[in-house]
Amino acid sequence: MNELTARIEAHIADAEFGVEKLSADMGMSRVQLYRKVQALLQMNVNDYITEIRINKAKALLRDTNKSIADVAYETGFNSPAYFTTLFRQKQNQTPSEFRKGAGV
C-alpha cells in the first residue's frame, strides 16, 4: 500500500493519471489492481486516488496561501468548479470554508 500511495502522490498533479496509468506503473492489470485495492481498503481505485488528492488539497489549503484554483490544478483536477463540488461532497464544506476553519 505504501508503494501504491507513493506512486499516486508522485503523479498527483497529472489530471490524466488514473487507473490505467497506475496499473501500468504498478506492473499489474487493472483487474488485479482493483481486486487488491478492494480487498485491502474496501474501496475502488478511483475513490482511493480521489481520497489521496483531497487529502493533499486539504494540506495545501491549510499550509499555504495558494488560491483554490491553484490547489485544484496542483492536485490533479481539471476544473476548480469540479474540485469544489467534489471537496464539498467529501468534506461537507467548501475549500474556502475549510481554509477559514483551519485558521489560514
PDB file of N, CA and C in Angstrom:
ATOM      1  N   MET A   1       0.823  -1.198   0.000  1.00  0.00           N
ATOM      2  CA  MET A   1       0.000   0.000   0.000  1.00  0.00           C
ATOM      3  C   MET A   1       0.863   1.256   0.000  1.00  0.00           C
ATOM      4  N   ASN A   2       1.999   1.197   0.675  1.00  0.00           N
ATOM      5  CA  ASN A   2       2.886   2.362   0.686  1.00  0.00           C
ATOM      6  C   ASN A   2       3.376   2.687  -0.715  1.00  0.00           C
ATOM      7  N   GLU A   3       3.696   1.659  -1.485  1.00  0.00           N
ATOM      8  CA  GLU A   3       4.161   1.872  -2.858  1.00  0.00           C
ATOM      9  C   GLU A   3       3.042   2.453  -3.716  1.00  0.00           C
ATOM     10  N   LEU A   4       1.850   1.942  -3.549  1.00  0.00           N
ATOM     11  CA  LEU A   4       0.693   2.445  -4.301  1.00  0.00           C
ATOM     12  C   LEU A   4       0.462   3.920  -3.996  1.00  0.00           C
ATOM     13  N   THR A   5       0.457   4.273  -2.733  1.00  0.00           N
ATOM     14  CA  THR A   5       0.244   5.657  -2.320  1.00  0.00           C
ATOM     15  C   THR A   5       1.365   6.551  -2.840  1.00  0.00           C
ATOM     16  N   ALA A   6       2.599   6.091  -2.760  1.00  0.00           N
ATOM     17  CA  ALA A   6       3.738   6.875  -3.239  1.00  0.00           C
ATOM     18  C   ALA A   6       3.634   7.134  -4.740  1.00  0.00           C
ATOM     19  N   ARG A   7       3.189   6.147  -5.497  1.00  0.00           N
ATOM     20  CA  ARG A   7       3.061   6.322  -6.949  1.00  0.00           C
ATOM     21  C   ARG A   7       1.938   7.305  -7.284  1.00  0.00           C
ATOM     22  N   ILE A   8       0.861   7.266  -6.532  1.00  0.00           N
ATOM     23  CA  ILE A   8      -0.229   8.226  -6.747  1.00  0.00           C
ATOM     24  C   ILE A   8       0.272   9.636  -6.421  1.00  0.00           C
ATOM     25  N   GLU A   9       0.944   9.786  -5.295  1.00  0.00           N
ATOM     26  CA  GLU A   9       1.454  11.098  -4.884  1.00  0.00           C
ATOM     27  C   GLU A   9       2.480  11.642  -5.870  1.00  0.00           C
ATOM     28  N   ALA A  10       3.270  10.761  -6.483  1.00  0.00           N
ATOM     29  CA  ALA A  10       4.273  11.194  -7.451  1.00  0.00           C
ATOM     30  C   ALA A  10       3.627  11.786  -8.705  1.00  0.00           C
ATOM     31  N   HIS A  11       2.403  11.372  -8.990  1.00  0.00           N
ATOM     32  CA  HIS A  11       1.695  11.836 -10.194  1.00  0.00           C
ATOM     33  C   HIS A  11       0.468  12.678  -9.845  1.00  0.00           C
ATOM     34  N   ILE A  12       0.429  13.220  -8.659  1.00  0.00           N
ATOM     35  CA  ILE A  12      -0.786  13.869  -8.172  1.00  0.00           C
ATOM     36  C   ILE A  12      -1.221  15.062  -9.019  1.00  0.00           C
ATOM     37  N   ALA A  13      -0.296  15.782  -9.607  1.00  0.00           N
ATOM     38  CA  ALA A  13      -0.652  16.958 -10.404  1.00  0.00           C
ATOM     39  C   ALA A  13      -1.120  16.590 -11.812  1.00  0.00           C
ATOM     40  N   ASP A  14      -0.934  15.346 -12.208  1.00  0.00           N
ATOM     41  CA  ASP A  14      -1.318  14.882 -13.544  1.00  0.00           C
ATOM     42  C   ASP A  14      -2.799  14.528 -13.555  1.00  0.00           C
ATOM     43  N   ALA A  15      -3.593  15.380 -14.190  1.00  0.00           N
ATOM     44  CA  ALA A  15      -5.039  15.157 -14.238  1.00  0.00           C
ATOM     45  C   ALA A  15      -5.395  13.899 -15.030  1.00  0.00           C
ATOM     46  N   GLU A  16      -4.505  13.452 -15.908  1.00  0.00           N
ATOM     47  CA  GLU A  16      -4.752  12.266 -16.729  1.00  0.00           C
ATOM     48  C   GLU A  16      -4.352  10.973 -16.020  1.00  0.00           C
ATOM     49  N   PHE A  17      -3.755  11.096 -14.840  1.00  0.00           N
ATOM     50  CA  PHE A  17      -3.319   9.910 -14.100  1.00  0.00           C
ATOM     51  C   PHE A  17      -4.525   9.250 -13.457  1.00  0.00           C
ATOM     52  N   GLY A  18      -4.790   8.029 -13.884  1.00  0.00           N
ATOM     53  CA  GLY A  18      -5.926   7.286 -13.358  1.00  0.00           C
ATOM     54  C   GLY A  18      -5.577   5.819 -13.233  1.00  0.00           C
ATOM     55  N   VAL A  19      -6.591   5.001 -13.273  1.00  0.00           N
ATOM     56  CA  VAL A  19      -6.420   3.564 -13.061  1.00  0.00           C
ATOM     57  C   VAL A  19      -5.511   2.945 -14.121  1.00  0.00           C
ATOM     58  N   GLU A  20      -5.706   3.317 -15.379  1.00  0.00           N
ATOM     59  CA  GLU A  20      -4.897   2.746 -16.459  1.00  0.00           C
ATOM     60  C   GLU A  20      -3.412   3.003 -16.228  1.00  0.00           C
ATOM     61  N   LYS A  21      -3.055   4.260 -15.994  1.00  0.00           N
ATOM     62  CA  LYS A  21      -1.652   4.610 -15.802  1.00  0.00           C
ATOM     63  C   LYS A  21      -1.107   4.031 -14.502  1.00  0.00           C
ATOM     64  N   LEU A  22      -1.926   4.013 -13.475  1.00  0.00           N
ATOM     65  CA  LEU A  22      -1.484   3.465 -12.197  1.00  0.00           C
ATOM     66  C   LEU A  22      -1.224   1.966 -12.314  1.00  0.00           C
ATOM     67  N   SER A  23      -2.109   1.245 -12.970  1.00  0.00           N
ATOM     68  CA  SER A  23      -1.909  -0.204 -13.108  1.00  0.00           C
ATOM     69  C   SER A  23      -0.655  -0.495 -13.926  1.00  0.00           C
ATOM     70  N   ALA A  24      -0.419   0.285 -14.994  1.00  0.00           N
ATOM     71  CA  ALA A  24       0.799   0.099 -15.781  1.00  0.00           C
ATOM     72  C   ALA A  24       2.037   0.425 -14.939  1.00  0.00           C
ATOM     73  N   ASP A  25       1.947   1.505 -14.149  1.00  0.00           N
ATOM     74  CA  ASP A  25       3.056   1.914 -13.289  1.00  0.00           C
ATOM     75  C   ASP A  25       3.363   0.846 -12.234  1.00  0.00           C
ATOM     76  N   MET A  26       2.332   0.188 -11.755  1.00  0.00           N
ATOM     77  CA  MET A  26       2.495  -0.848 -10.737  1.00  0.00           C
ATOM     78  C   MET A  26       2.872  -2.204 -11.354  1.00  0.00           C
ATOM     79  N   GLY A  27       2.756  -2.324 -12.680  1.00  0.00           N
ATOM     80  CA  GLY A  27       3.106  -3.573 -13.347  1.00  0.00           C
ATOM     81  C   GLY A  27       2.077  -4.667 -13.162  1.00  0.00           C
ATOM     82  N   MET A  28       0.814  -4.273 -13.118  1.00  0.00           N
ATOM     83  CA  MET A  28      -0.254  -5.270 -12.994  1.00  0.00           C
ATOM     84  C   MET A  28      -1.457  -4.831 -13.820  1.00  0.00           C
ATOM     85  N   SER A  29      -2.354  -5.749 -14.050  1.00  0.00           N
ATOM     86  CA  SER A  29      -3.543  -5.418 -14.831  1.00  0.00           C
ATOM     87  C   SER A  29      -4.499  -4.570 -13.997  1.00  0.00           C
ATOM     88  N   ARG A  30      -5.411  -3.883 -14.687  1.00  0.00           N
ATOM     89  CA  ARG A  30      -6.431  -3.088 -13.995  1.00  0.00           C
ATOM     90  C   ARG A  30      -7.238  -3.954 -13.053  1.00  0.00           C
ATOM     91  N   VAL A  31      -7.635  -5.127 -13.532  1.00  0.00           N
ATOM     92  CA  VAL A  31      -8.461  -6.028 -12.724  1.00  0.00           C
ATOM     93  C   VAL A  31      -7.719  -6.452 -11.464  1.00  0.00           C
ATOM     94  N   GLN A  32      -6.457  -6.802 -11.629  1.00  0.00           N
ATOM     95  CA  GLN A  32      -5.648  -7.206 -10.478  1.00  0.00           C
ATOM     96  C   GLN A  32      -5.527  -6.062  -9.468  1.00  0.00           C
ATOM     97  N   LEU A  33      -5.288  -4.854  -9.974  1.00  0.00           N
ATOM     98  CA  LEU A  33      -5.183  -3.688  -9.107  1.00  0.00           C
ATOM     99  C   LEU A  33      -6.493  -3.435  -8.367  1.00  0.00           C
ATOM    100  N   TYR A  34      -7.620  -3.475  -9.094  1.00  0.00           N
ATOM    101  CA  TYR A  34      -8.927  -3.289  -8.466  1.00  0.00           C
ATOM    102  C   TYR A  34      -9.147  -4.307  -7.355  1.00  0.00           C
ATOM    103  N   ARG A  35      -8.850  -5.562  -7.623  1.00  0.00           N
ATOM    104  CA  ARG A  35      -9.074  -6.611  -6.623  1.00  0.00           C
ATOM    105  C   ARG A  35      -8.234  -6.389  -5.369  1.00  0.00           C
ATOM    106  N   LYS A  36      -6.961  -6.052  -5.563  1.00  0.00           N
ATOM    107  CA  LYS A  36      -6.081  -5.868  -4.402  1.00  0.00           C
ATOM    108  C   LYS A  36      -6.505  -4.657  -3.563  1.00  0.00           C
ATOM    109  N   VAL A  37      -6.805  -3.553  -4.241  1.00  0.00           N
ATOM    110  CA  VAL A  37      -7.215  -2.352  -3.511  1.00  0.00           C
ATOM    111  C   VAL A  37      -8.550  -2.597  -2.799  1.00  0.00           C
ATOM    112  N   GLN A  38      -9.481  -3.240  -3.483  1.00  0.00           N
ATOM    113  CA  GLN A  38     -10.784  -3.539  -2.880  1.00  0.00           C
ATOM    114  C   GLN A  38     -10.618  -4.434  -1.650  1.00  0.00           C
ATOM    115  N   ALA A  39      -9.762  -5.426  -1.746  1.00  0.00           N
ATOM    116  CA  ALA A  39      -9.547  -6.348  -0.629  1.00  0.00           C
ATOM    117  C   ALA A  39      -8.901  -5.646   0.568  1.00  0.00           C
ATOM    118  N   LEU A  40      -7.960  -4.751   0.298  1.00  0.00           N
ATOM    119  CA  LEU A  40      -7.247  -4.096   1.392  1.00  0.00           C
ATOM    120  C   LEU A  40      -7.964  -2.886   1.971  1.00  0.00           C
ATOM    121  N   LEU A  41      -8.646  -2.114   1.108  1.00  0.00           N
ATOM    122  CA  LEU A  41      -9.225  -0.848   1.551  1.00  0.00           C
ATOM    123  C   LEU A  41     -10.744  -0.791   1.521  1.00  0.00           C
ATOM    124  N   GLN A  42     -11.366  -1.793   0.953  1.00  0.00           N
ATOM    125  CA  GLN A  42     -12.810  -1.801   0.777  1.00  0.00           C
ATOM    126  C   GLN A  42     -13.303  -0.559   0.018  1.00  0.00           C
ATOM    127  N   MET A  43     -12.531  -0.143  -0.981  1.00  0.00           N
ATOM    128  CA  MET A  43     -12.927   0.953  -1.866  1.00  0.00           C
ATOM    129  C   MET A  43     -12.302   0.703  -3.224  1.00  0.00           C
ATOM    130  N   ASN A  44     -12.850   1.348  -4.256  1.00  0.00           N
ATOM    131  CA  ASN A  44     -12.266   1.140  -5.574  1.00  0.00           C
ATOM    132  C   ASN A  44     -11.078   2.078  -5.783  1.00  0.00           C
ATOM    133  N   VAL A  45     -10.337   1.812  -6.836  1.00  0.00           N
ATOM    134  CA  VAL A  45      -9.092   2.541  -7.085  1.00  0.00           C
ATOM    135  C   VAL A  45      -9.363   4.018  -7.337  1.00  0.00           C
ATOM    136  N   ASN A  46     -10.394   4.337  -8.114  1.00  0.00           N
ATOM    137  CA  ASN A  46     -10.708   5.742  -8.383  1.00  0.00           C
ATOM    138  C   ASN A  46     -11.000   6.500  -7.094  1.00  0.00           C
ATOM    139  N   ASP A  47     -11.748   5.888  -6.201  1.00  0.00           N
ATOM    140  CA  ASP A  47     -12.052   6.537  -4.923  1.00  0.00           C
ATOM    141  C   ASP A  47     -10.785   6.749  -4.089  1.00  0.00           C
ATOM    142  N   TYR A  48      -9.870   5.793  -4.154  1.00  0.00           N
ATOM    143  CA  TYR A  48      -8.620   5.935  -3.400  1.00  0.00           C
ATOM    144  C   TYR A  48      -7.775   7.068  -3.973  1.00  0.00           C
ATOM    145  N   ILE A  49      -7.685   7.148  -5.294  1.00  0.00           N
ATOM    146  CA  ILE A  49      -6.937   8.238  -5.927  1.00  0.00           C
ATOM    147  C   ILE A  49      -7.554   9.580  -5.532  1.00  0.00           C
ATOM    148  N   THR A  50      -8.878   9.662  -5.572  1.00  0.00           N
ATOM    149  CA  THR A  50      -9.571  10.902  -5.188  1.00  0.00           C
ATOM    150  C   THR A  50      -9.300  11.237  -3.730  1.00  0.00           C
ATOM    151  N   GLU A  51      -9.304  10.231  -2.862  1.00  0.00           N
ATOM    152  CA  GLU A  51      -9.042  10.467  -1.432  1.00  0.00           C
ATOM    153  C   GLU A  51      -7.636  11.039  -1.230  1.00  0.00           C
ATOM    154  N   ILE A  52      -6.655  10.494  -1.935  1.00  0.00           N
ATOM    155  CA  ILE A  52      -5.281  10.994  -1.834  1.00  0.00           C
ATOM    156  C   ILE A  52      -5.224  12.450  -2.305  1.00  0.00           C
ATOM    157  N   ARG A  53      -5.912  12.752  -3.415  1.00  0.00           N
ATOM    158  CA  ARG A  53      -5.923  14.116  -3.956  1.00  0.00           C
ATOM    159  C   ARG A  53      -6.594  15.092  -2.994  1.00  0.00           C
ATOM    160  N   ILE A  54      -7.712  14.700  -2.414  1.00  0.00           N
ATOM    161  CA  ILE A  54      -8.417  15.568  -1.466  1.00  0.00           C
ATOM    162  C   ILE A  54      -7.563  15.803  -0.224  1.00  0.00           C
ATOM    163  N   ASN A  55      -6.897  14.769   0.265  1.00  0.00           N
ATOM    164  CA  ASN A  55      -6.024  14.924   1.441  1.00  0.00           C
ATOM    165  C   ASN A  55      -4.868  15.874   1.151  1.00  0.00           C
ATOM    166  N   LYS A  56      -4.291  15.777  -0.030  1.00  0.00           N
ATOM    167  CA  LYS A  56      -3.217  16.694  -0.427  1.00  0.00           C
ATOM    168  C   LYS A  56      -3.764  18.119  -0.531  1.00  0.00           C
ATOM    169  N   ALA A  57      -4.954  18.259  -1.102  1.00  0.00           N
ATOM    170  CA  ALA A  57      -5.582  19.577  -1.227  1.00  0.00           C
ATOM    171  C   ALA A  57      -5.831  20.179   0.155  1.00  0.00           C
ATOM    172  N   LYS A  58      -6.279  19.369   1.095  1.00  0.00           N
ATOM    173  CA  LYS A  58      -6.510  19.862   2.456  1.00  0.00           C
ATOM    174  C   LYS A  58      -5.208  20.384   3.061  1.00  0.00           C
ATOM    175  N   ALA A  59      -4.118  19.655   2.853  1.00  0.00           N
ATOM    176  CA  ALA A  59      -2.825  20.099   3.380  1.00  0.00           C
ATOM    177  C   ALA A  59      -2.399  21.414   2.732  1.00  0.00           C
ATOM    178  N   LEU A  60      -2.593  21.531   1.432  1.00  0.00           N
ATOM    179  CA  LEU A  60      -2.226  22.770   0.744  1.00  0.00           C
ATOM    180  C   LEU A  60      -3.093  23.936   1.195  1.00  0.00           C
ATOM    181  N   LEU A  61      -4.380  23.696   1.373  1.00  0.00           N
ATOM    182  CA  LEU A  61      -5.279  24.760   1.829  1.00  0.00           C
ATOM    183  C   LEU A  61      -4.916  25.211   3.237  1.00  0.00           C
ATOM    184  N   ARG A  62      -4.523  24.269   4.066  1.00  0.00           N
ATOM    185  CA  ARG A  62      -4.184  24.565   5.458  1.00  0.00           C
ATOM    186  C   ARG A  62      -2.820  25.246   5.574  1.00  0.00           C
ATOM    187  N   ASP A  63      -1.847  24.810   4.760  1.00  0.00           N
ATOM    188  CA  ASP A  63      -0.461  25.215   4.966  1.00  0.00           C
ATOM    189  C   ASP A  63       0.066  26.281   4.005  1.00  0.00           C
ATOM    190  N   THR A  64      -0.707  26.636   2.981  1.00  0.00           N
ATOM    191  CA  THR A  64      -0.230  27.628   2.017  1.00  0.00           C
ATOM    192  C   THR A  64      -1.302  28.693   1.796  1.00  0.00           C
ATOM    193  N   ASN A  65      -0.913  29.734   1.102  1.00  0.00           N
ATOM    194  CA  ASN A  65      -1.867  30.782   0.729  1.00  0.00           C
ATOM    195  C   ASN A  65      -2.220  30.707  -0.754  1.00  0.00           C
ATOM    196  N   LYS A  66      -2.004  29.561  -1.369  1.00  0.00           N
ATOM    197  CA  LYS A  66      -2.322  29.392  -2.786  1.00  0.00           C
ATOM    198  C   LYS A  66      -3.819  29.541  -2.989  1.00  0.00           C
ATOM    199  N   SER A  67      -4.181  30.031  -4.162  1.00  0.00           N
ATOM    200  CA  SER A  67      -5.609  30.164  -4.470  1.00  0.00           C
ATOM    201  C   SER A  67      -6.230  28.775  -4.580  1.00  0.00           C
ATOM    202  N   ILE A  68      -7.532  28.730  -4.449  1.00  0.00           N
ATOM    203  CA  ILE A  68      -8.241  27.457  -4.547  1.00  0.00           C
ATOM    204  C   ILE A  68      -8.060  26.857  -5.939  1.00  0.00           C
ATOM    205  N   ALA A  69      -8.056  27.707  -6.971  1.00  0.00           N
ATOM    206  CA  ALA A  69      -7.825  27.220  -8.332  1.00  0.00           C
ATOM    207  C   ALA A  69      -6.440  26.587  -8.449  1.00  0.00           C
ATOM    208  N   ASP A  70      -5.418  27.225  -7.874  1.00  0.00           N
ATOM    209  CA  ASP A  70      -4.064  26.666  -7.915  1.00  0.00           C
ATOM    210  C   ASP A  70      -3.998  25.328  -7.187  1.00  0.00           C
ATOM    211  N   VAL A  71      -4.658  25.242  -6.057  1.00  0.00           N
ATOM    212  CA  VAL A  71      -4.695  23.983  -5.308  1.00  0.00           C
ATOM    213  C   VAL A  71      -5.387  22.909  -6.140  1.00  0.00           C
ATOM    214  N   ALA A  72      -6.476  23.268  -6.803  1.00  0.00           N
ATOM    215  CA  ALA A  72      -7.206  22.304  -7.639  1.00  0.00           C
ATOM    216  C   ALA A  72      -6.305  21.753  -8.738  1.00  0.00           C
ATOM    217  N   TYR A  73      -5.621  22.645  -9.454  1.00  0.00           N
ATOM    218  CA  TYR A  73      -4.747  22.190 -10.541  1.00  0.00           C
ATOM    219  C   TYR A  73      -3.547  21.412 -10.016  1.00  0.00           C
ATOM    220  N   GLU A  74      -3.019  21.826  -8.888  1.00  0.00           N
ATOM    221  CA  GLU A  74      -1.848  21.163  -8.314  1.00  0.00           C
ATOM    222  C   GLU A  74      -2.166  19.757  -7.816  1.00  0.00           C
ATOM    223  N   THR A  75      -3.417  19.499  -7.523  1.00  0.00           N
ATOM    224  CA  THR A  75      -3.811  18.174  -7.047  1.00  0.00           C
ATOM    225  C   THR A  75      -4.489  17.345  -8.133  1.00  0.00           C
ATOM    226  N   GLY A  76      -4.375  17.786  -9.387  1.00  0.00           N
ATOM    227  CA  GLY A  76      -4.807  16.954 -10.500  1.00  0.00           C
ATOM    228  C   GLY A  76      -6.243  17.103 -10.944  1.00  0.00           C
ATOM    229  N   PHE A  77      -6.897  18.174 -10.559  1.00  0.00           N
ATOM    230  CA  PHE A  77      -8.265  18.407 -11.012  1.00  0.00           C
ATOM    231  C   PHE A  77      -8.232  19.358 -12.203  1.00  0.00           C
ATOM    232  N   ASN A  78      -9.013  19.057 -13.234  1.00  0.00           N
ATOM    233  CA  ASN A  78      -9.048  19.882 -14.447  1.00  0.00           C
ATOM    234  C   ASN A  78      -9.820  21.175 -14.257  1.00  0.00           C
ATOM    235  N   SER A  79     -10.719  21.183 -13.291  1.00  0.00           N
ATOM    236  CA  SER A  79     -11.618  22.314 -13.121  1.00  0.00           C
ATOM    237  C   SER A  79     -11.739  22.678 -11.645  1.00  0.00           C
ATOM    238  N   PRO A  80     -11.516  23.945 -11.303  1.00  0.00           N
ATOM    239  CA  PRO A  80     -11.720  24.360  -9.915  1.00  0.00           C
ATOM    240  C   PRO A  80     -13.169  24.161  -9.459  1.00  0.00           C
ATOM    241  N   ALA A  81     -14.117  24.305 -10.376  1.00  0.00           N
ATOM    242  CA  ALA A  81     -15.526  24.107 -10.011  1.00  0.00           C
ATOM    243  C   ALA A  81     -15.786  22.647  -9.639  1.00  0.00           C
ATOM    244  N   TYR A  82     -15.247  21.721 -10.419  1.00  0.00           N
ATOM    245  CA  TYR A  82     -15.407  20.302 -10.100  1.00  0.00           C
ATOM    246  C   TYR A  82     -14.693  19.972  -8.791  1.00  0.00           C
ATOM    247  N   PHE A  83     -13.518  20.545  -8.596  1.00  0.00           N
ATOM    248  CA  PHE A  83     -12.781  20.343  -7.352  1.00  0.00           C
ATOM    249  C   PHE A  83     -13.619  20.785  -6.156  1.00  0.00           C
ATOM    250  N   THR A  84     -14.222  21.973  -6.265  1.00  0.00           N
ATOM    251  CA  THR A  84     -15.044  22.495  -5.169  1.00  0.00           C
ATOM    252  C   THR A  84     -16.240  21.589  -4.902  1.00  0.00           C
ATOM    253  N   THR A  85     -16.889  21.126  -5.966  1.00  0.00           N
ATOM    254  CA  THR A  85     -18.044  20.230  -5.820  1.00  0.00           C
ATOM    255  C   THR A  85     -17.639  18.931  -5.133  1.00  0.00           C
ATOM    256  N   LEU A  86     -16.557  18.330  -5.594  1.00  0.00           N
ATOM    257  CA  LEU A  86     -16.094  17.072  -5.014  1.00  0.00           C
ATOM    258  C   LEU A  86     -15.621  17.264  -3.574  1.00  0.00           C
ATOM    259  N   PHE A  87     -14.916  18.362  -3.319  1.00  0.00           N
ATOM    260  CA  PHE A  87     -14.449  18.663  -1.967  1.00  0.00           C
ATOM    261  C   PHE A  87     -15.639  18.787  -1.017  1.00  0.00           C
ATOM    262  N   ARG A  88     -16.679  19.478  -1.468  1.00  0.00           N
ATOM    263  CA  ARG A  88     -17.868  19.637  -0.636  1.00  0.00           C
ATOM    264  C   ARG A  88     -18.531  18.290  -0.351  1.00  0.00           C
ATOM    265  N   GLN A  89     -18.590  17.418  -1.353  1.00  0.00           N
ATOM    266  CA  GLN A  89     -19.182  16.091  -1.161  1.00  0.00           C
ATOM    267  C   GLN A  89     -18.409  15.279  -0.126  1.00  0.00           C
ATOM    268  N   LYS A  90     -17.086  15.360  -0.196  1.00  0.00           N
ATOM    269  CA  LYS A  90     -16.242  14.548   0.682  1.00  0.00           C
ATOM    270  C   LYS A  90     -16.073  15.149   2.083  1.00  0.00           C
ATOM    271  N   GLN A  91     -16.054  16.490   2.178  1.00  0.00           N
ATOM    272  CA  GLN A  91     -15.738  17.152   3.450  1.00  0.00           C
ATOM    273  C   GLN A  91     -16.923  17.880   4.079  1.00  0.00           C
ATOM    274  N   ASN A  92     -18.044  17.938   3.384  1.00  0.00           N
ATOM    275  CA  ASN A  92     -19.235  18.649   3.857  1.00  0.00           C
ATOM    276  C   ASN A  92     -18.990  20.140   4.075  1.00  0.00           C
ATOM    277  N   GLN A  93     -18.021  20.678   3.346  1.00  0.00           N
ATOM    278  CA  GLN A  93     -17.755  22.115   3.347  1.00  0.00           C
ATOM    279  C   GLN A  93     -16.938  22.451   2.102  1.00  0.00           C
ATOM    280  N   THR A  94     -17.004  23.697   1.701  1.00  0.00           N
ATOM    281  CA  THR A  94     -16.251  24.109   0.527  1.00  0.00           C
ATOM    282  C   THR A  94     -14.778  24.292   0.900  1.00  0.00           C
ATOM    283  N   PRO A  95     -13.893  24.352  -0.090  1.00  0.00           N
ATOM    284  CA  PRO A  95     -12.493  24.615   0.235  1.00  0.00           C
ATOM    285  C   PRO A  95     -12.302  25.936   0.985  1.00  0.00           C
ATOM    286  N   SER A  96     -13.077  26.954   0.633  1.00  0.00           N
ATOM    287  CA  SER A  96     -12.980  28.245   1.345  1.00  0.00           C
ATOM    288  C   SER A  96     -13.366  28.094   2.808  1.00  0.00           C
ATOM    289  N   GLU A  97     -14.440  27.387   3.063  1.00  0.00           N
ATOM    290  CA  GLU A  97     -14.877  27.159   4.446  1.00  0.00           C
ATOM    291  C   GLU A  97     -13.836  26.347   5.212  1.00  0.00           C
ATOM    292  N   PHE A  98     -13.262  25.348   4.543  1.00  0.00           N
ATOM    293  CA  PHE A  98     -12.213  24.535   5.176  1.00  0.00           C
ATOM    294  C   PHE A  98     -11.024  25.405   5.550  1.00  0.00           C
ATOM    295  N   ARG A  99     -10.624  26.276   4.626  1.00  0.00           N
ATOM    296  CA  ARG A  99      -9.465  27.144   4.885  1.00  0.00           C
ATOM    297  C   ARG A  99      -9.748  28.082   6.060  1.00  0.00           C
ATOM    298  N   LYS A 100     -10.926  28.652   6.134  1.00  0.00           N
ATOM    299  CA  LYS A 100     -11.280  29.541   7.253  1.00  0.00           C
ATOM    300  C   LYS A 100     -11.260  28.767   8.574  1.00  0.00           C
ATOM    301  N   GLY A 101     -11.780  27.557   8.542  1.00  0.00           N
ATOM    302  CA  GLY A 101     -11.810  26.728   9.745  1.00  0.00           C
ATOM    303  C   GLY A 101     -10.452  26.225  10.158  1.00  0.00           C
ATOM    304  N   ALA A 102      -9.512  26.164   9.210  1.00  0.00           N
ATOM    305  CA  ALA A 102      -8.157  25.663   9.512  1.00  0.00           C
ATOM    306  C   ALA A 102      -7.267  26.766  10.059  1.00  0.00           C
ATOM    307  N   GLY A 103      -7.791  27.999  10.130  1.00  0.00           N
ATOM    308  CA  GLY A 103      -7.018  29.087  10.702  1.00  0.00           C
ATOM    309  C   GLY A 103      -6.058  29.758   9.756  1.00  0.00           C
ATOM    310  N   VAL A 104      -6.268  29.552   8.456  1.00  0.00           N
ATOM    311  CA  VAL A 104      -5.378  30.197   7.475  1.00  0.00           C
ATOM    312  C   VAL A 104      -5.995  31.483   7.012  1.00  0.00           C
TER     313      VAL A 104
END
